[in-house]
Amino acid sequence: MSAKKKVVKEQHPPQLHWYALRIYSGHERKVKESIEMEVERCGLSESIKQVYIPYERFVEVKNGKKRSLTKNAFPGYVLIEAVLDKQTRNLIMDIPSVMGFLGVDDNPTPLRPDEVEKILVPGGAIEHRAVVEAPFKVGDSVKVIDGPFSSLTGIVHEVCTERMKVKVMINFFGRSTPTELDFSQVKPVSQ
């Protein structure tokens, strides 16, 4: 007599992947909070690990003052780390303002690890990218508010946003002289 061997398939736990979820622009925080509340209520914290709103930091110079701000890097999208099965997918799709997952046809496509790393890892391209918006442009009239040329006016000749400097043509002693100043040393002249 021969004994039959039972073949037992090893079952691996479903793997978590990151997905991009399309939502109404401006509803990112509301959708994130709603998903997190539903996950808590339904006890699905093992299936839906994280809901993340990608953002970027930038520096704005306004009225000679620097401000560090953040804004949504991908308006209309929220990232979700989840095991997408019927239950989790239905839970997410039933949240108000959710339009669907990025993917082909009706199949959500997981994001590649390198894409996720650029967005999530501190020091990635989005987290620390600095964008400086100058409150003036070439040809604008500006007034110097700080330094040895304080109270003089001039015309912006060149703007260097990377260094936060501006070259202003200042007229004194009958000559137009180029002077390099920090953004914080000048302000636009009201027209």
N, C-alpha and C. Protein backbone atom coordinates (compact mmCIF):
# COMPACT_ATOMS: atom_id res chain seq x y z
N MET A 1 0.84 -1.18 0.00
CA MET A 1 0.00 0.00 0.00
C MET A 1 0.88 1.25 0.00
N SER A 2 0.49 2.16 -0.79
CA SER A 2 1.25 3.40 -0.85
C SER A 2 0.46 4.54 -0.21
N ALA A 3 1.16 5.30 0.53
CA ALA A 3 0.51 6.43 1.20
C ALA A 3 0.53 7.64 0.28
N LYS A 4 -0.60 8.27 0.19
CA LYS A 4 -0.68 9.48 -0.64
C LYS A 4 -0.17 10.65 0.18
N LYS A 5 0.65 11.44 -0.47
CA LYS A 5 1.17 12.64 0.19
C LYS A 5 0.26 13.82 -0.13
N LYS A 6 -0.06 14.54 0.90
CA LYS A 6 -0.85 15.75 0.70
C LYS A 6 0.09 16.90 0.35
N VAL A 7 -0.26 17.61 -0.70
CA VAL A 7 0.52 18.78 -1.09
C VAL A 7 -0.16 19.99 -0.46
N VAL A 8 0.58 20.63 0.40
CA VAL A 8 0.06 21.82 1.08
C VAL A 8 0.77 23.04 0.51
N LYS A 9 -0.02 23.92 -0.03
CA LYS A 9 0.54 25.17 -0.55
C LYS A 9 0.78 26.12 0.60
N GLU A 10 1.96 26.73 0.59
CA GLU A 10 2.24 27.73 1.61
C GLU A 10 1.51 29.01 1.23
N GLN A 11 0.82 29.54 2.17
CA GLN A 11 0.14 30.79 1.91
C GLN A 11 0.92 31.94 2.52
N HIS A 12 1.32 32.84 1.65
CA HIS A 12 2.04 34.02 2.11
C HIS A 12 1.03 35.11 2.39
N PRO A 13 1.27 35.89 3.42
CA PRO A 13 0.33 36.98 3.68
C PRO A 13 0.34 37.95 2.49
N PRO A 14 -0.80 38.53 2.18
CA PRO A 14 -0.84 39.48 1.05
C PRO A 14 0.14 40.62 1.29
N GLN A 15 0.74 41.08 0.22
CA GLN A 15 1.77 42.11 0.33
C GLN A 15 1.17 43.51 0.21
N LEU A 16 1.70 44.40 1.04
CA LEU A 16 1.30 45.80 0.98
C LEU A 16 1.95 46.48 -0.21
N HIS A 17 1.21 47.33 -0.89
CA HIS A 17 1.73 48.13 -1.99
C HIS A 17 1.21 49.55 -1.82
N TRP A 18 1.91 50.49 -2.44
CA TRP A 18 1.46 51.87 -2.47
C TRP A 18 0.65 52.10 -3.74
N TYR A 19 -0.48 52.80 -3.59
CA TYR A 19 -1.35 53.13 -4.71
C TYR A 19 -1.65 54.62 -4.69
N ALA A 20 -1.86 55.19 -5.88
CA ALA A 20 -2.28 56.59 -5.99
C ALA A 20 -3.80 56.61 -6.16
N LEU A 21 -4.46 57.38 -5.33
CA LEU A 21 -5.91 57.48 -5.34
C LEU A 21 -6.30 58.86 -5.87
N ARG A 22 -7.11 58.88 -6.93
CA ARG A 22 -7.59 60.15 -7.49
C ARG A 22 -8.79 60.63 -6.69
N ILE A 23 -8.74 61.91 -6.32
CA ILE A 23 -9.83 62.50 -5.54
C ILE A 23 -10.10 63.90 -6.06
N TYR A 24 -11.16 64.52 -5.57
CA TYR A 24 -11.42 65.90 -5.95
C TYR A 24 -10.33 66.78 -5.36
N SER A 25 -9.78 67.65 -6.19
CA SER A 25 -8.72 68.55 -5.74
C SER A 25 -9.25 69.44 -4.61
N GLY A 26 -8.44 69.58 -3.57
CA GLY A 26 -8.84 70.38 -2.42
C GLY A 26 -9.49 69.55 -1.32
N HIS A 27 -9.76 68.27 -1.59
CA HIS A 27 -10.41 67.40 -0.60
C HIS A 27 -9.42 66.40 0.00
N GLU A 28 -8.12 66.61 -0.21
CA GLU A 28 -7.11 65.64 0.22
C GLU A 28 -7.18 65.34 1.72
N ARG A 29 -7.18 66.37 2.54
CA ARG A 29 -7.18 66.17 3.99
C ARG A 29 -8.48 65.50 4.46
N LYS A 30 -9.60 65.92 3.89
CA LYS A 30 -10.89 65.34 4.26
C LYS A 30 -10.94 63.85 3.90
N VAL A 31 -10.45 63.49 2.73
CA VAL A 31 -10.43 62.08 2.30
C VAL A 31 -9.49 61.28 3.19
N LYS A 32 -8.31 61.81 3.49
CA LYS A 32 -7.35 61.12 4.35
C LYS A 32 -7.98 60.81 5.71
N GLU A 33 -8.60 61.83 6.32
CA GLU A 33 -9.22 61.64 7.64
C GLU A 33 -10.38 60.65 7.58
N SER A 34 -11.18 60.71 6.52
CA SER A 34 -12.31 59.79 6.38
C SER A 34 -11.84 58.34 6.25
N ILE A 35 -10.80 58.13 5.44
CA ILE A 35 -10.27 56.77 5.27
C ILE A 35 -9.72 56.26 6.60
N GLU A 36 -8.97 57.09 7.30
CA GLU A 36 -8.39 56.68 8.59
C GLU A 36 -9.48 56.35 9.61
N MET A 37 -10.56 57.12 9.63
CA MET A 37 -11.66 56.84 10.56
C MET A 37 -12.34 55.51 10.22
N GLU A 38 -12.57 55.25 8.94
CA GLU A 38 -13.20 54.01 8.51
C GLU A 38 -12.32 52.80 8.78
N VAL A 39 -11.01 52.94 8.59
CA VAL A 39 -10.07 51.85 8.87
C VAL A 39 -10.12 51.51 10.35
N GLU A 40 -10.15 52.52 11.21
CA GLU A 40 -10.23 52.32 12.65
C GLU A 40 -11.57 51.66 13.02
N ARG A 41 -12.65 52.16 12.46
CA ARG A 41 -13.98 51.65 12.76
C ARG A 41 -14.14 50.19 12.34
N CYS A 42 -13.58 49.84 11.18
CA CYS A 42 -13.73 48.48 10.64
C CYS A 42 -12.61 47.53 11.08
N GLY A 43 -11.62 48.03 11.80
CA GLY A 43 -10.51 47.19 12.26
C GLY A 43 -9.65 46.67 11.11
N LEU A 44 -9.36 47.52 10.13
CA LEU A 44 -8.58 47.11 8.97
C LEU A 44 -7.17 47.70 8.96
N SER A 45 -6.62 47.97 10.14
CA SER A 45 -5.31 48.60 10.20
C SER A 45 -4.19 47.71 9.64
N GLU A 46 -4.42 46.41 9.55
CA GLU A 46 -3.42 45.51 8.96
C GLU A 46 -3.48 45.55 7.43
N SER A 47 -4.63 45.90 6.89
CA SER A 47 -4.81 45.93 5.43
C SER A 47 -4.56 47.30 4.82
N ILE A 48 -4.83 48.35 5.58
CA ILE A 48 -4.55 49.71 5.11
C ILE A 48 -3.63 50.35 6.15
N LYS A 49 -2.34 50.39 5.81
CA LYS A 49 -1.33 50.85 6.77
C LYS A 49 -1.23 52.37 6.86
N GLN A 50 -1.16 53.04 5.70
CA GLN A 50 -0.93 54.49 5.71
C GLN A 50 -1.74 55.18 4.64
N VAL A 51 -2.11 56.40 4.94
CA VAL A 51 -2.70 57.30 3.96
C VAL A 51 -1.82 58.55 4.01
N TYR A 52 -1.28 58.96 2.87
CA TYR A 52 -0.28 60.02 2.85
C TYR A 52 -0.62 61.08 1.80
N ILE A 53 -0.53 62.33 2.21
CA ILE A 53 -0.71 63.45 1.28
C ILE A 53 0.69 63.99 0.97
N PRO A 54 1.18 63.80 -0.26
CA PRO A 54 2.51 64.32 -0.61
C PRO A 54 2.50 65.84 -0.62
N TYR A 55 3.54 66.44 -0.05
CA TYR A 55 3.63 67.89 -0.01
C TYR A 55 5.04 68.31 -0.33
N GLU A 56 5.20 69.58 -0.63
CA GLU A 56 6.53 70.13 -0.87
C GLU A 56 6.68 71.40 -0.05
N ARG A 57 7.91 71.66 0.33
CA ARG A 57 8.21 72.87 1.08
C ARG A 57 8.84 73.88 0.14
N PHE A 58 8.55 75.14 0.37
CA PHE A 58 9.18 76.19 -0.42
C PHE A 58 9.29 77.44 0.42
N VAL A 59 10.15 78.34 -0.02
CA VAL A 59 10.37 79.60 0.68
C VAL A 59 9.74 80.70 -0.16
N GLU A 60 8.94 81.53 0.49
CA GLU A 60 8.32 82.66 -0.20
C GLU A 60 8.88 83.93 0.41
N VAL A 61 9.25 84.87 -0.44
CA VAL A 61 9.71 86.16 0.03
C VAL A 61 8.64 87.18 -0.35
N LYS A 62 8.06 87.79 0.68
CA LYS A 62 6.99 88.75 0.46
C LYS A 62 7.23 89.94 1.39
N ASN A 63 7.20 91.13 0.83
CA ASN A 63 7.45 92.35 1.61
C ASN A 63 8.77 92.28 2.36
N GLY A 64 9.77 91.67 1.73
CA GLY A 64 11.09 91.59 2.32
C GLY A 64 11.24 90.55 3.42
N LYS A 65 10.23 89.73 3.66
CA LYS A 65 10.29 88.72 4.72
C LYS A 65 10.21 87.33 4.11
N LYS A 66 11.06 86.42 4.63
CA LYS A 66 11.06 85.04 4.17
C LYS A 66 10.07 84.23 4.99
N ARG A 67 9.29 83.38 4.32
CA ARG A 67 8.37 82.48 5.01
C ARG A 67 8.54 81.09 4.42
N SER A 68 8.63 80.10 5.29
CA SER A 68 8.69 78.72 4.85
C SER A 68 7.27 78.18 4.81
N LEU A 69 6.83 77.69 3.65
CA LEU A 69 5.47 77.20 3.47
C LEU A 69 5.47 75.78 2.92
N THR A 70 4.35 75.13 3.04
CA THR A 70 4.17 73.83 2.41
C THR A 70 2.91 73.88 1.56
N LYS A 71 2.92 73.09 0.50
CA LYS A 71 1.73 72.97 -0.33
C LYS A 71 1.66 71.55 -0.86
N ASN A 72 0.48 71.16 -1.26
CA ASN A 72 0.24 69.83 -1.79
C ASN A 72 1.05 69.66 -3.07
N ALA A 73 1.89 68.64 -3.12
CA ALA A 73 2.73 68.40 -4.30
C ALA A 73 1.93 67.85 -5.47
N PHE A 74 0.89 67.08 -5.19
CA PHE A 74 0.07 66.48 -6.24
C PHE A 74 -1.41 66.73 -5.94
N PRO A 75 -1.90 67.93 -6.23
CA PRO A 75 -3.31 68.20 -5.94
C PRO A 75 -4.21 67.17 -6.64
N GLY A 76 -5.19 66.67 -5.90
CA GLY A 76 -6.11 65.70 -6.47
C GLY A 76 -5.67 64.25 -6.29
N TYR A 77 -4.62 64.03 -5.50
CA TYR A 77 -4.13 62.67 -5.26
C TYR A 77 -3.78 62.45 -3.79
N VAL A 78 -4.01 61.24 -3.34
CA VAL A 78 -3.61 60.79 -2.01
C VAL A 78 -2.94 59.43 -2.23
N LEU A 79 -1.87 59.15 -1.51
CA LEU A 79 -1.21 57.85 -1.62
C LEU A 79 -1.67 56.95 -0.48
N ILE A 80 -1.87 55.67 -0.80
CA ILE A 80 -2.34 54.71 0.20
C ILE A 80 -1.46 53.47 0.14
N GLU A 81 -0.97 53.06 1.33
CA GLU A 81 -0.24 51.80 1.44
C GLU A 81 -1.25 50.77 1.94
N ALA A 82 -1.55 49.79 1.08
CA ALA A 82 -2.62 48.86 1.43
C ALA A 82 -2.48 47.53 0.70
N VAL A 83 -3.20 46.55 1.24
CA VAL A 83 -3.45 45.28 0.55
C VAL A 83 -4.83 45.47 -0.06
N LEU A 84 -4.89 45.56 -1.38
CA LEU A 84 -6.18 45.82 -2.00
C LEU A 84 -6.93 44.52 -2.25
N ASP A 85 -7.89 44.26 -1.40
CA ASP A 85 -8.80 43.14 -1.64
C ASP A 85 -10.18 43.77 -1.80
N LYS A 86 -11.18 42.95 -1.94
CA LYS A 86 -12.53 43.46 -2.19
C LYS A 86 -13.00 44.39 -1.06
N GLN A 87 -12.74 43.99 0.18
CA GLN A 87 -13.21 44.76 1.33
C GLN A 87 -12.53 46.13 1.41
N THR A 88 -11.18 46.15 1.30
CA THR A 88 -10.47 47.43 1.42
C THR A 88 -10.78 48.34 0.23
N ARG A 89 -10.88 47.76 -0.94
CA ARG A 89 -11.17 48.56 -2.13
C ARG A 89 -12.56 49.19 -2.02
N ASN A 90 -13.55 48.43 -1.58
CA ASN A 90 -14.90 48.97 -1.41
C ASN A 90 -14.93 50.05 -0.35
N LEU A 91 -14.22 49.84 0.76
CA LEU A 91 -14.17 50.84 1.82
C LEU A 91 -13.64 52.16 1.26
N ILE A 92 -12.55 52.11 0.50
CA ILE A 92 -11.93 53.31 -0.04
C ILE A 92 -12.84 53.97 -1.08
N MET A 93 -13.41 53.18 -1.96
CA MET A 93 -14.23 53.73 -3.04
C MET A 93 -15.55 54.33 -2.53
N ASP A 94 -15.98 53.93 -1.33
CA ASP A 94 -17.21 54.48 -0.76
C ASP A 94 -17.01 55.80 -0.03
N ILE A 95 -15.77 56.25 0.10
CA ILE A 95 -15.47 57.53 0.76
C ILE A 95 -15.89 58.67 -0.18
N PRO A 96 -16.62 59.67 0.32
CA PRO A 96 -16.98 60.81 -0.52
C PRO A 96 -15.74 61.51 -1.09
N SER A 97 -15.83 62.01 -2.30
CA SER A 97 -14.78 62.74 -3.02
C SER A 97 -13.73 61.84 -3.66
N VAL A 98 -13.84 60.53 -3.52
CA VAL A 98 -12.90 59.59 -4.15
C VAL A 98 -13.40 59.28 -5.55
N MET A 99 -12.48 59.40 -6.54
CA MET A 99 -12.86 59.12 -7.93
C MET A 99 -12.35 57.75 -8.39
N GLY A 100 -11.24 57.27 -7.83
CA GLY A 100 -10.73 55.97 -8.23
C GLY A 100 -9.22 55.88 -8.11
N PHE A 101 -8.71 54.69 -8.36
CA PHE A 101 -7.28 54.44 -8.31
C PHE A 101 -6.65 54.69 -9.68
N LEU A 102 -5.38 55.07 -9.68
CA LEU A 102 -4.65 55.14 -10.94
C LEU A 102 -4.36 53.72 -11.38
N GLY A 103 -4.55 53.45 -12.63
CA GLY A 103 -4.30 52.12 -13.15
C GLY A 103 -4.87 51.97 -14.54
N VAL A 104 -4.78 50.76 -15.05
CA VAL A 104 -5.28 50.45 -16.38
C VAL A 104 -6.66 49.83 -16.24
N ASP A 105 -7.59 50.32 -17.05
CA ASP A 105 -8.99 49.88 -16.99
C ASP A 105 -9.50 50.06 -15.57
N ASP A 106 -9.91 48.96 -14.94
CA ASP A 106 -10.44 49.03 -13.59
C ASP A 106 -9.48 48.40 -12.58
N ASN A 107 -8.22 48.20 -12.99
CA ASN A 107 -7.23 47.55 -12.13
C ASN A 107 -6.24 48.57 -11.58
N PRO A 108 -6.24 48.81 -10.27
CA PRO A 108 -5.26 49.73 -9.68
C PRO A 108 -3.84 49.22 -9.91
N THR A 109 -2.95 50.12 -10.29
CA THR A 109 -1.55 49.78 -10.53
C THR A 109 -0.72 50.27 -9.35
N PRO A 110 0.02 49.35 -8.69
CA PRO A 110 0.88 49.78 -7.57
C PRO A 110 1.99 50.71 -8.08
N LEU A 111 2.39 51.64 -7.24
CA LEU A 111 3.51 52.52 -7.58
C LEU A 111 4.81 51.73 -7.46
N ARG A 112 5.79 52.08 -8.27
CA ARG A 112 7.10 51.43 -8.19
C ARG A 112 7.82 51.89 -6.92
N PRO A 113 8.64 51.03 -6.32
CA PRO A 113 9.36 51.41 -5.10
C PRO A 113 10.20 52.69 -5.26
N ASP A 114 10.83 52.89 -6.42
CA ASP A 114 11.64 54.09 -6.60
C ASP A 114 10.77 55.36 -6.63
N GLU A 115 9.55 55.25 -7.15
CA GLU A 115 8.63 56.39 -7.13
C GLU A 115 8.23 56.73 -5.70
N VAL A 116 7.91 55.71 -4.93
CA VAL A 116 7.49 55.90 -3.55
C VAL A 116 8.63 56.49 -2.73
N GLU A 117 9.85 56.00 -2.96
CA GLU A 117 11.01 56.48 -2.20
C GLU A 117 11.24 57.97 -2.43
N LYS A 118 11.09 58.43 -3.65
CA LYS A 118 11.28 59.86 -3.95
C LYS A 118 10.28 60.73 -3.20
N ILE A 119 9.10 60.20 -2.97
CA ILE A 119 8.04 60.98 -2.33
C ILE A 119 8.12 60.90 -0.81
N LEU A 120 8.40 59.71 -0.28
CA LEU A 120 8.31 59.50 1.17
C LEU A 120 9.59 59.70 1.96
N VAL A 121 10.73 59.36 1.39
CA VAL A 121 11.99 59.38 2.15
C VAL A 121 12.43 60.81 2.39
N PRO A 122 12.70 61.15 3.68
CA PRO A 122 13.22 62.49 3.96
C PRO A 122 14.49 62.73 3.16
N GLY A 123 14.61 63.92 2.61
CA GLY A 123 15.77 64.22 1.78
C GLY A 123 15.47 63.96 0.32
N GLY A 124 14.28 63.45 0.02
CA GLY A 124 13.89 63.20 -1.37
C GLY A 124 13.69 64.52 -2.10
N ALA A 125 13.52 64.42 -3.38
CA ALA A 125 13.43 65.61 -4.23
C ALA A 125 12.27 66.53 -3.83
N ILE A 126 11.16 65.98 -3.42
CA ILE A 126 10.00 66.82 -3.14
C ILE A 126 10.12 67.50 -1.78
N GLU A 127 10.54 66.75 -0.76
CA GLU A 127 10.54 67.27 0.60
C GLU A 127 11.35 68.55 0.78
N HIS A 128 12.52 68.62 0.15
CA HIS A 128 13.41 69.74 0.44
C HIS A 128 13.68 70.65 -0.75
N ARG A 129 12.85 70.57 -1.74
CA ARG A 129 13.03 71.43 -2.90
C ARG A 129 12.62 72.84 -2.49
N ALA A 130 13.48 73.79 -2.74
CA ALA A 130 13.17 75.18 -2.37
C ALA A 130 12.77 75.96 -3.62
N VAL A 131 11.65 76.58 -3.58
CA VAL A 131 11.18 77.42 -4.66
C VAL A 131 11.03 78.83 -4.09
N VAL A 132 11.72 79.76 -4.67
CA VAL A 132 11.67 81.12 -4.17
C VAL A 132 10.89 81.96 -5.18
N GLU A 133 9.91 82.65 -4.69
CA GLU A 133 9.13 83.53 -5.55
C GLU A 133 9.50 84.97 -5.20
N ALA A 134 10.10 85.66 -6.16
CA ALA A 134 10.49 87.05 -5.93
C ALA A 134 9.26 87.94 -6.07
N PRO A 135 9.15 88.95 -5.20
CA PRO A 135 7.99 89.84 -5.28
C PRO A 135 8.13 90.89 -6.38
N PHE A 136 9.15 90.76 -7.25
CA PHE A 136 9.36 91.73 -8.32
C PHE A 136 10.03 91.02 -9.50
N LYS A 137 10.05 91.73 -10.64
CA LYS A 137 10.67 91.18 -11.84
C LYS A 137 11.51 92.26 -12.51
N VAL A 138 12.26 91.87 -13.52
CA VAL A 138 13.12 92.81 -14.24
C VAL A 138 12.26 93.96 -14.79
N GLY A 139 12.72 95.19 -14.54
CA GLY A 139 12.00 96.38 -15.01
C GLY A 139 11.14 97.04 -13.94
N ASP A 140 10.91 96.37 -12.82
CA ASP A 140 10.10 96.94 -11.74
C ASP A 140 10.89 98.01 -10.99
N SER A 141 10.17 98.99 -10.46
CA SER A 141 10.77 100.00 -9.59
C SER A 141 10.76 99.46 -8.16
N VAL A 142 11.90 99.60 -7.48
CA VAL A 142 12.00 99.14 -6.10
C VAL A 142 12.65 100.22 -5.25
N LYS A 143 12.37 100.14 -3.95
CA LYS A 143 12.97 101.06 -2.99
C LYS A 143 13.86 100.26 -2.06
N VAL A 144 15.06 100.73 -1.81
CA VAL A 144 15.99 100.07 -0.90
C VAL A 144 15.55 100.42 0.52
N ILE A 145 15.36 99.39 1.36
CA ILE A 145 14.87 99.63 2.72
C ILE A 145 15.90 99.29 3.79
N ASP A 146 17.09 98.80 3.35
CA ASP A 146 18.11 98.42 4.32
C ASP A 146 19.48 98.56 3.68
N GLY A 147 20.46 98.96 4.47
CA GLY A 147 21.83 99.05 3.99
C GLY A 147 22.24 100.49 3.67
N PRO A 148 23.43 100.65 3.09
CA PRO A 148 23.95 102.00 2.84
C PRO A 148 23.15 102.79 1.80
N PHE A 149 22.36 102.12 0.96
CA PHE A 149 21.57 102.82 -0.05
C PHE A 149 20.11 102.98 0.37
N SER A 150 19.86 102.83 1.67
CA SER A 150 18.50 102.91 2.20
C SER A 150 17.82 104.20 1.76
N SER A 151 16.56 104.09 1.35
CA SER A 151 15.66 105.15 0.90
C SER A 151 15.86 105.54 -0.56
N LEU A 152 16.85 104.98 -1.25
CA LEU A 152 17.01 105.25 -2.68
C LEU A 152 16.12 104.30 -3.48
N THR A 153 15.74 104.74 -4.65
CA THR A 153 14.94 103.88 -5.53
C THR A 153 15.76 103.53 -6.76
N GLY A 154 15.34 102.44 -7.41
CA GLY A 154 16.04 102.01 -8.62
C GLY A 154 15.16 101.07 -9.43
N ILE A 155 15.72 100.60 -10.53
CA ILE A 155 15.03 99.69 -11.43
C ILE A 155 15.71 98.33 -11.36
N VAL A 156 14.91 97.26 -11.25
CA VAL A 156 15.45 95.90 -11.19
C VAL A 156 16.06 95.57 -12.55
N HIS A 157 17.33 95.20 -12.53
CA HIS A 157 18.06 94.87 -13.74
C HIS A 157 18.19 93.35 -13.91
N GLU A 158 18.27 92.64 -12.77
CA GLU A 158 18.46 91.19 -12.80
C GLU A 158 17.95 90.59 -11.49
N VAL A 159 17.32 89.39 -11.58
CA VAL A 159 16.81 88.69 -10.40
C VAL A 159 17.45 87.31 -10.35
N CYS A 160 18.08 86.96 -9.23
CA CYS A 160 18.69 85.64 -9.06
C CYS A 160 17.97 84.95 -7.90
N THR A 161 16.95 84.14 -8.23
CA THR A 161 16.13 83.52 -7.19
C THR A 161 16.90 82.48 -6.39
N GLU A 162 17.87 81.79 -7.02
CA GLU A 162 18.63 80.76 -6.29
C GLU A 162 19.41 81.36 -5.12
N ARG A 163 20.00 82.53 -5.34
CA ARG A 163 20.80 83.17 -4.30
C ARG A 163 20.00 84.20 -3.50
N MET A 164 18.75 84.42 -3.90
CA MET A 164 17.87 85.41 -3.27
C MET A 164 18.51 86.80 -3.31
N LYS A 165 19.04 87.14 -4.49
CA LYS A 165 19.67 88.44 -4.72
C LYS A 165 19.00 89.13 -5.89
N VAL A 166 19.11 90.44 -5.91
CA VAL A 166 18.57 91.23 -7.01
C VAL A 166 19.60 92.31 -7.35
N LYS A 167 19.78 92.54 -8.66
CA LYS A 167 20.68 93.62 -9.09
C LYS A 167 19.80 94.79 -9.48
N VAL A 168 20.03 95.92 -8.81
CA VAL A 168 19.21 97.11 -9.00
C VAL A 168 20.10 98.23 -9.55
N MET A 169 19.58 98.93 -10.57
CA MET A 169 20.29 100.08 -11.12
C MET A 169 19.84 101.30 -10.32
N ILE A 170 20.74 101.79 -9.45
CA ILE A 170 20.43 102.93 -8.59
C ILE A 170 21.10 104.17 -9.16
N ASN A 171 20.36 105.26 -9.21
CA ASN A 171 20.88 106.51 -9.74
C ASN A 171 21.32 107.40 -8.59
N PHE A 172 22.64 107.57 -8.44
CA PHE A 172 23.13 108.54 -7.46
C PHE A 172 24.40 109.18 -8.01
N PHE A 173 24.63 110.43 -7.62
CA PHE A 173 25.71 111.27 -8.15
C PHE A 173 25.63 111.38 -9.66
N GLY A 174 24.40 111.37 -10.19
CA GLY A 174 24.22 111.56 -11.62
C GLY A 174 24.54 110.35 -12.48
N ARG A 175 24.80 109.22 -11.85
CA ARG A 175 25.13 108.02 -12.62
C ARG A 175 24.23 106.86 -12.20
N SER A 176 23.95 105.98 -13.15
CA SER A 176 23.19 104.77 -12.86
C SER A 176 24.20 103.67 -12.53
N THR A 177 24.12 103.17 -11.29
CA THR A 177 25.10 102.19 -10.82
C THR A 177 24.42 100.87 -10.45
N PRO A 178 24.93 99.73 -10.97
CA PRO A 178 24.35 98.44 -10.59
C PRO A 178 24.76 98.07 -9.16
N THR A 179 23.78 97.69 -8.37
CA THR A 179 24.02 97.33 -6.98
C THR A 179 23.32 96.02 -6.68
N GLU A 180 24.07 95.05 -6.12
CA GLU A 180 23.48 93.76 -5.78
C GLU A 180 22.99 93.79 -4.34
N LEU A 181 21.72 93.42 -4.14
CA LEU A 181 21.10 93.47 -2.83
C LEU A 181 20.35 92.17 -2.56
N ASP A 182 20.13 91.87 -1.27
CA ASP A 182 19.29 90.74 -0.90
C ASP A 182 17.83 91.10 -1.15
N PHE A 183 17.01 90.08 -1.37
CA PHE A 183 15.57 90.31 -1.54
C PHE A 183 15.01 91.10 -0.36
N SER A 184 15.53 90.82 0.85
CA SER A 184 14.98 91.46 2.05
C SER A 184 15.38 92.93 2.16
N GLN A 185 16.32 93.40 1.32
CA GLN A 185 16.76 94.78 1.38
C GLN A 185 15.97 95.71 0.48
N VAL A 186 15.07 95.17 -0.34
CA VAL A 186 14.30 96.01 -1.25
C VAL A 186 12.82 95.65 -1.17
N LYS A 187 11.99 96.61 -1.56
CA LYS A 187 10.56 96.35 -1.66
C LYS A 187 10.04 97.04 -2.91
N PRO A 188 8.99 96.46 -3.51
CA PRO A 188 8.44 97.07 -4.71
C PRO A 188 7.87 98.46 -4.40
N VAL A 189 8.01 99.37 -5.34
CA VAL A 189 7.44 100.70 -5.20
C VAL A 189 5.99 100.63 -5.68
N SER A 190 5.06 101.08 -4.85
CA SER A 190 3.64 101.06 -5.22
C SER A 190 3.41 102.02 -6.38
N GLN A 191 2.66 101.55 -7.36
CA GLN A 191 2.38 102.36 -8.55
C GLN A 191 1.14 103.19 -8.32
